[in-house]
PDB file of N, CA and C in Angstrom:
ATOM      1  N   MET A   1     120.679  87.602 106.404  1.00  0.00           N
ATOM      2  CA  MET A   1     119.770  87.718 107.538  1.00  0.00           C
ATOM      3  C   MET A   1     119.734  89.148 108.073  1.00  0.00           C
ATOM      4  N   LEU A   2     120.887  89.786 108.114  1.00  0.00           N
ATOM      5  CA  LEU A   2     120.953  91.161 108.595  1.00  0.00           C
ATOM      6  C   LEU A   2     120.106  92.077 107.718  1.00  0.00           C
ATOM      7  N   PHE A   3     120.117  91.837 106.410  1.00  0.00           N
ATOM      8  CA  PHE A   3     119.341  92.644 105.485  1.00  0.00           C
ATOM      9  C   PHE A   3     117.848  92.558 105.798  1.00  0.00           C
ATOM     10  N   ILE A   4     117.367  91.369 106.113  1.00  0.00           N
ATOM     11  CA  ILE A   4     115.951  91.184 106.453  1.00  0.00           C
ATOM     12  C   ILE A   4     115.608  91.959 107.716  1.00  0.00           C
ATOM     13  N   HIS A   5     116.466  91.914 108.725  1.00  0.00           N
ATOM     14  CA  HIS A   5     116.217  92.680 109.946  1.00  0.00           C
ATOM     15  C   HIS A   5     116.190  94.171 109.656  1.00  0.00           C
ATOM     16  N   PHE A   6     117.069  94.631 108.761  1.00  0.00           N
ATOM     17  CA  PHE A   6     117.081  96.040 108.385  1.00  0.00           C
ATOM     18  C   PHE A   6     115.768  96.425 107.727  1.00  0.00           C
ATOM     19  N   LEU A   7     115.262  95.577 106.828  1.00  0.00           N
ATOM     20  CA  LEU A   7     114.000  95.870 106.163  1.00  0.00           C
ATOM     21  C   LEU A   7     112.844  95.913 107.155  1.00  0.00           C
ATOM     22  N   LEU A   8     112.845  95.013 108.119  1.00  0.00           N
ATOM     23  CA  LEU A   8     111.787  95.010 109.129  1.00  0.00           C
ATOM     24  C   LEU A   8     111.843  96.267 109.977  1.00  0.00           C
ATOM     25  N   TRP A   9     113.037  96.777 110.213  1.00  0.00           N
ATOM     26  CA  TRP A   9     113.202  98.001 110.986  1.00  0.00           C
ATOM     27  C   TRP A   9     112.800  99.208 110.160  1.00  0.00           C
ATOM     28  N   LEU A  10     113.078  99.181 108.851  1.00  0.00           N
ATOM     29  CA  LEU A  10     112.844 100.313 107.978  1.00  0.00           C
ATOM     30  C   LEU A  10     111.374 100.494 107.634  1.00  0.00           C
ATOM     31  N   GLU A  11     110.612  99.429 107.516  1.00  0.00           N
ATOM     32  CA  GLU A  11     109.215  99.505 107.079  1.00  0.00           C
ATOM     33  C   GLU A  11     108.370 100.466 107.908  1.00  0.00           C
ATOM     34  N   PRO A  12     108.405 100.408 109.241  1.00  0.00           N
ATOM     35  CA  PRO A  12     107.573 101.342 110.005  1.00  0.00           C
ATOM     36  C   PRO A  12     107.966 102.799 109.786  1.00  0.00           C
ATOM     37  N   ILE A  13     109.249 103.080 109.564  1.00  0.00           N
ATOM     38  CA  ILE A  13     109.677 104.460 109.335  1.00  0.00           C
ATOM     39  C   ILE A  13     109.117 104.959 108.012  1.00  0.00           C
ATOM     40  N   ILE A  14     109.245 104.151 106.970  1.00  0.00           N
ATOM     41  CA  ILE A  14     108.711 104.529 105.662  1.00  0.00           C
ATOM     42  C   ILE A  14     107.208 104.729 105.761  1.00  0.00           C
ATOM     43  N   SER A  15     106.537 103.809 106.416  1.00  0.00           N
ATOM     44  CA  SER A  15     105.086 103.894 106.553  1.00  0.00           C
ATOM     45  C   SER A  15     104.684 105.133 107.335  1.00  0.00           C
ATOM     46  N   PHE A  16     105.426 105.476 108.399  1.00  0.00           N
ATOM     47  CA  PHE A  16     105.114 106.662 109.185  1.00  0.00           C
ATOM     48  C   PHE A  16     105.216 107.909 108.316  1.00  0.00           C
ATOM     49  N   GLU A  17     106.284 108.036 107.552  1.00  0.00           N
ATOM     50  CA  GLU A  17     106.457 109.201 106.684  1.00  0.00           C
ATOM     51  C   GLU A  17     105.348 109.266 105.642  1.00  0.00           C
ATOM     52  N   GLN A  18     104.952 108.114 105.128  1.00  0.00           N
ATOM     53  CA  GLN A  18     103.897 108.068 104.130  1.00  0.00           C
ATOM     54  C   GLN A  18     102.541 108.393 104.749  1.00  0.00           C
ATOM     55  N   ILE A  19     102.282 107.902 105.950  1.00  0.00           N
ATOM     56  CA  ILE A  19     101.037 108.240 106.657  1.00  0.00           C
ATOM     57  C   ILE A  19     100.962 109.744 106.864  1.00  0.00           C
ATOM     58  N   MET A  20     102.053 110.331 107.309  1.00  0.00           N
ATOM     59  CA  MET A  20     102.055 111.768 107.569  1.00  0.00           C
ATOM     60  C   MET A  20     101.868 112.562 106.272  1.00  0.00           C
ATOM     61  N   SER A  21     102.421 112.085 105.185  1.00  0.00           N
ATOM     62  CA  SER A  21     102.256 112.751 103.896  1.00  0.00           C
ATOM     63  C   SER A  21     100.790 112.765 103.479  1.00  0.00           C
ATOM     64  N   ILE A  22     100.128 111.623 103.617  1.00  0.00           N
ATOM     65  CA  ILE A  22      98.705 111.545 103.261  1.00  0.00           C
ATOM     66  C   ILE A  22      97.871 112.387 104.215  1.00  0.00           C
ATOM     67  N   ARG A  23      98.170 112.315 105.497  1.00  0.00           N
ATOM     68  CA  ARG A  23      97.430 113.112 106.474  1.00  0.00           C
ATOM     69  C   ARG A  23      97.565 114.596 106.175  1.00  0.00           C
ATOM     70  N   ASN A  24      98.792 115.036 105.903  1.00  0.00           N
ATOM     71  CA  ASN A  24      99.037 116.453 105.657  1.00  0.00           C
ATOM     72  C   ASN A  24      98.413 116.942 104.356  1.00  0.00           C
ATOM     73  N   SER A  25      98.127 116.022 103.437  1.00  0.00           N
ATOM     74  CA  SER A  25      97.481 116.424 102.182  1.00  0.00           C
ATOM     75  C   SER A  25      96.029 116.833 102.428  1.00  0.00           C
ATOM     76  N   GLY A  26      95.402 116.258 103.456  1.00  0.00           N
ATOM     77  CA  GLY A  26      94.012 116.571 103.756  1.00  0.00           C
ATOM     78  C   GLY A  26      93.028 116.010 102.738  1.00  0.00           C
ATOM     79  N   ALA A  27      93.485 115.118 101.877  1.00  0.00           N
ATOM     80  CA  ALA A  27      92.643 114.605 100.797  1.00  0.00           C
ATOM     81  C   ALA A  27      91.620 113.571 101.262  1.00  0.00           C
ATOM     82  N   VAL A  28      91.911 112.864 102.349  1.00  0.00           N
ATOM     83  CA  VAL A  28      90.995 111.820 102.821  1.00  0.00           C
ATOM     84  C   VAL A  28      90.909 111.854 104.343  1.00  0.00           C
ATOM     85  N   ASN A  29      89.833 111.283 104.851  1.00  0.00           N
ATOM     86  CA  ASN A  29      89.684 111.070 106.286  1.00  0.00           C
ATOM     87  C   ASN A  29      90.562 109.880 106.655  1.00  0.00           C
ATOM     88  N   MET A  30      91.475 110.065 107.590  1.00  0.00           N
ATOM     89  CA  MET A  30      92.422 109.008 107.945  1.00  0.00           C
ATOM     90  C   MET A  30      91.738 107.800 108.581  1.00  0.00           C
ATOM     91  N   LEU A  31      90.491 107.945 109.012  1.00  0.00           N
ATOM     92  CA  LEU A  31      89.748 106.815 109.558  1.00  0.00           C
ATOM     93  C   LEU A  31      89.137 105.944 108.454  1.00  0.00           C
ATOM     94  N   SER A  32      89.113 106.462 107.248  1.00  0.00           N
ATOM     95  CA  SER A  32      88.621 105.702 106.107  1.00  0.00           C
ATOM     96  C   SER A  32      89.796 104.929 105.513  1.00  0.00           C
ATOM     97  N   VAL A  33      90.016 103.741 106.046  1.00  0.00           N
ATOM     98  CA  VAL A  33      91.204 102.952 105.713  1.00  0.00           C
ATOM     99  C   VAL A  33      91.275 102.652 104.222  1.00  0.00           C
ATOM    100  N   ASN A  34      90.148 102.315 103.611  1.00  0.00           N
ATOM    101  CA  ASN A  34      90.159 102.013 102.181  1.00  0.00           C
ATOM    102  C   ASN A  34      90.572 103.224 101.358  1.00  0.00           C
ATOM    103  N   GLU A  35      90.105 104.394 101.741  1.00  0.00           N
ATOM    104  CA  GLU A  35      90.483 105.614 101.027  1.00  0.00           C
ATOM    105  C   GLU A  35      91.951 105.945 101.234  1.00  0.00           C
ATOM    106  N   VAL A  36      92.454 105.716 102.432  1.00  0.00           N
ATOM    107  CA  VAL A  36      93.882 105.934 102.692  1.00  0.00           C
ATOM    108  C   VAL A  36      94.708 104.998 101.826  1.00  0.00           C
ATOM    109  N   GLN A  37      94.305 103.740 101.757  1.00  0.00           N
ATOM    110  CA  GLN A  37      95.029 102.779 100.917  1.00  0.00           C
ATOM    111  C   GLN A  37      94.950 103.164  99.438  1.00  0.00           C
ATOM    112  N   ARG A  38      93.800 103.634  98.982  1.00  0.00           N
ATOM    113  CA  ARG A  38      93.662 104.045  97.585  1.00  0.00           C
ATOM    114  C   ARG A  38      94.596 105.215  97.282  1.00  0.00           C
ATOM    115  N   LEU A  39      94.591 106.217  98.154  1.00  0.00           N
ATOM    116  CA  LEU A  39      95.461 107.370  97.941  1.00  0.00           C
ATOM    117  C   LEU A  39      96.932 106.975  98.036  1.00  0.00           C
ATOM    118  N   ALA A  40      97.256 106.083  98.953  1.00  0.00           N
ATOM    119  CA  ALA A  40      98.633 105.593  99.065  1.00  0.00           C
ATOM    120  C   ALA A  40      99.048 104.906  97.771  1.00  0.00           C
ATOM    121  N   PHE A  41      98.178 104.099  97.219  1.00  0.00           N
ATOM    122  CA  PHE A  41      98.480 103.410  95.959  1.00  0.00           C
ATOM    123  C   PHE A  41      98.676 104.415  94.826  1.00  0.00           C
ATOM    124  N   GLU A  42      97.804 105.411  94.755  1.00  0.00           N
ATOM    125  CA  GLU A  42      97.905 106.432  93.711  1.00  0.00           C
ATOM    126  C   GLU A  42      99.202 107.236  93.815  1.00  0.00           C
ATOM    127  N   ASN A  43      99.741 107.348  95.034  1.00  0.00           N
ATOM    128  CA  ASN A  43     100.979 108.096  95.258  1.00  0.00           C
ATOM    129  C   ASN A  43     102.212 107.197  95.288  1.00  0.00           C
ATOM    130  N   ASP A  44     102.042 105.952  94.857  1.00  0.00           N
ATOM    131  CA  ASP A  44     103.134 104.970  94.820  1.00  0.00           C
ATOM    132  C   ASP A  44     103.691 104.655  96.206  1.00  0.00           C
ATOM    133  N   TYR A  45     102.844 104.724  97.227  1.00  0.00           N
ATOM    134  CA  TYR A  45     103.238 104.357  98.588  1.00  0.00           C
ATOM    135  C   TYR A  45     102.837 102.906  98.829  1.00  0.00           C
ATOM    136  N   TYR A  46     103.426 102.023  98.062  1.00  0.00           N
ATOM    137  CA  TYR A  46     103.053 100.616  98.135  1.00  0.00           C
ATOM    138  C   TYR A  46     103.391 100.007  99.489  1.00  0.00           C
ATOM    139  N   GLU A  47     104.445 100.508 100.129  1.00  0.00           N
ATOM    140  CA  GLU A  47     104.805 100.018 101.464  1.00  0.00           C
ATOM    141  C   GLU A  47     103.674 100.294 102.445  1.00  0.00           C
ATOM    142  N   LEU A  48     103.061 101.473 102.325  1.00  0.00           N
ATOM    143  CA  LEU A  48     101.959 101.826 103.225  1.00  0.00           C
ATOM    144  C   LEU A  48     100.731 100.970 102.952  1.00  0.00           C
ATOM    145  N   VAL A  49     100.434 100.730 101.694  1.00  0.00           N
ATOM    146  CA  VAL A  49      99.293  99.870 101.353  1.00  0.00           C
ATOM    147  C   VAL A  49      99.465  98.506 102.024  1.00  0.00           C
ATOM    148  N   CYS A  50     100.658  97.934 101.898  1.00  0.00           N
ATOM    149  CA  CYS A  50     100.934  96.626 102.502  1.00  0.00           C
ATOM    150  C   CYS A  50     100.948  96.714 104.023  1.00  0.00           C
ATOM    151  N   TYR A  51     101.520  97.779 104.556  1.00  0.00           N
ATOM    152  CA  TYR A  51     101.593  97.928 106.011  1.00  0.00           C
ATOM    153  C   TYR A  51     100.191  97.965 106.620  1.00  0.00           C
ATOM    154  N   ILE A  52      99.300  98.745 106.028  1.00  0.00           N
ATOM    155  CA  ILE A  52      97.933  98.825 106.561  1.00  0.00           C
ATOM    156  C   ILE A  52      97.249  97.467 106.454  1.00  0.00           C
ATOM    157  N   GLU A  53      97.477  96.769 105.362  1.00  0.00           N
ATOM    158  CA  GLU A  53      96.861  95.459 105.175  1.00  0.00           C
ATOM    159  C   GLU A  53      97.352  94.455 106.217  1.00  0.00           C
ATOM    160  N   GLU A  54      98.629  94.518 106.544  1.00  0.00           N
ATOM    161  CA  GLU A  54      99.234  93.533 107.446  1.00  0.00           C
ATOM    162  C   GLU A  54      99.227  93.958 108.908  1.00  0.00           C
ATOM    163  N   HIS A  55      99.069  95.262 109.174  1.00  0.00           N
ATOM    164  CA  HIS A  55      99.160  95.798 110.544  1.00  0.00           C
ATOM    165  C   HIS A  55      98.025  96.783 110.819  1.00  0.00           C
ATOM    166  N   ARG A  56      96.833  96.360 110.539  1.00  0.00           N
ATOM    167  CA  ARG A  56      95.682  97.258 110.680  1.00  0.00           C
ATOM    168  C   ARG A  56      95.512  97.758 112.116  1.00  0.00           C
ATOM    169  N   ARG A  57      95.709  96.885 113.062  1.00  0.00           N
ATOM    170  CA  ARG A  57      95.560  97.275 114.468  1.00  0.00           C
ATOM    171  C   ARG A  57      96.562  98.366 114.835  1.00  0.00           C
ATOM    172  N   GLU A  58      97.804  98.233 114.403  1.00  0.00           N
ATOM    173  CA  GLU A  58      98.834  99.227 114.689  1.00  0.00           C
ATOM    174  C   GLU A  58      98.511 100.549 113.991  1.00  0.00           C
ATOM    175  N   TYR A  59      97.986 100.469 112.767  1.00  0.00           N
ATOM    176  CA  TYR A  59      97.583 101.679 112.044  1.00  0.00           C
ATOM    177  C   TYR A  59      96.496 102.412 112.827  1.00  0.00           C
ATOM    178  N   TRP A  60      95.452 101.685 113.226  1.00  0.00           N
ATOM    179  CA  TRP A  60      94.360 102.299 113.979  1.00  0.00           C
ATOM    180  C   TRP A  60      94.865 102.908 115.280  1.00  0.00           C
ATOM    181  N   HIS A  61      95.728 102.205 115.975  1.00  0.00           N
ATOM    182  CA  HIS A  61      96.268 102.718 117.233  1.00  0.00           C
ATOM    183  C   HIS A  61      97.007 104.035 116.996  1.00  0.00           C
ATOM    184  N   PHE A  62      97.821 104.078 115.952  1.00  0.00           N
ATOM    185  CA  PHE A  62      98.567 105.296 115.654  1.00  0.00           C
ATOM    186  C   PHE A  62      97.627 106.444 115.296  1.00  0.00           C
ATOM    187  N   ILE A  63      96.627 106.184 114.469  1.00  0.00           N
ATOM    188  CA  ILE A  63      95.698 107.236 114.053  1.00  0.00           C
ATOM    189  C   ILE A  63      94.899 107.750 115.250  1.00  0.00           C
ATOM    190  N   MET A  64      94.490 106.860 116.136  1.00  0.00           N
ATOM    191  CA  MET A  64      93.651 107.274 117.274  1.00  0.00           C
ATOM    192  C   MET A  64      94.448 107.927 118.405  1.00  0.00           C
ATOM    193  N   THR A  65      95.705 107.517 118.593  1.00  0.00           N
ATOM    194  CA  THR A  65      96.467 108.012 119.745  1.00  0.00           C
ATOM    195  C   THR A  65      97.693 108.845 119.368  1.00  0.00           C
ATOM    196  N   GLY A  66      98.178 108.678 118.145  1.00  0.00           N
ATOM    197  CA  GLY A  66      99.416 109.350 117.744  1.00  0.00           C
ATOM    198  C   GLY A  66     100.658 108.647 118.246  1.00  0.00           C
ATOM    199  N   GLU A  67     100.477 107.465 118.826  1.00  0.00           N
ATOM    200  CA  GLU A  67     101.588 106.700 119.377  1.00  0.00           C
ATOM    201  C   GLU A  67     101.761 105.401 118.605  1.00  0.00           C
ATOM    202  N   ALA A  68     103.020 105.023 118.417  1.00  0.00           N
ATOM    203  CA  ALA A  68     103.303 103.725 117.807  1.00  0.00           C
ATOM    204  C   ALA A  68     103.205 102.656 118.882  1.00  0.00           C
ATOM    205  N   GLU A  69     102.684 101.498 118.521  1.00  0.00           N
ATOM    206  CA  GLU A  69     102.579 100.399 119.493  1.00  0.00           C
ATOM    207  C   GLU A  69     103.904  99.750 119.715  1.00  0.00           C
TER     208      GLU A  69
END
């Protein structure tokens, strides 16, 4: 059970680092969610692909405000 809680805690950190990596590349508009997911997949950021799919509202909030919900 502790391992599952650790994974739930770790996912947003991994996703944040991956979001910043894609943003800093300048390759796509971060508001184009499908393009972000495509680039994430191409860069083996599978955690980010899943995170955006499962937490779209949180992704949008972060992109628009720079704050985590």
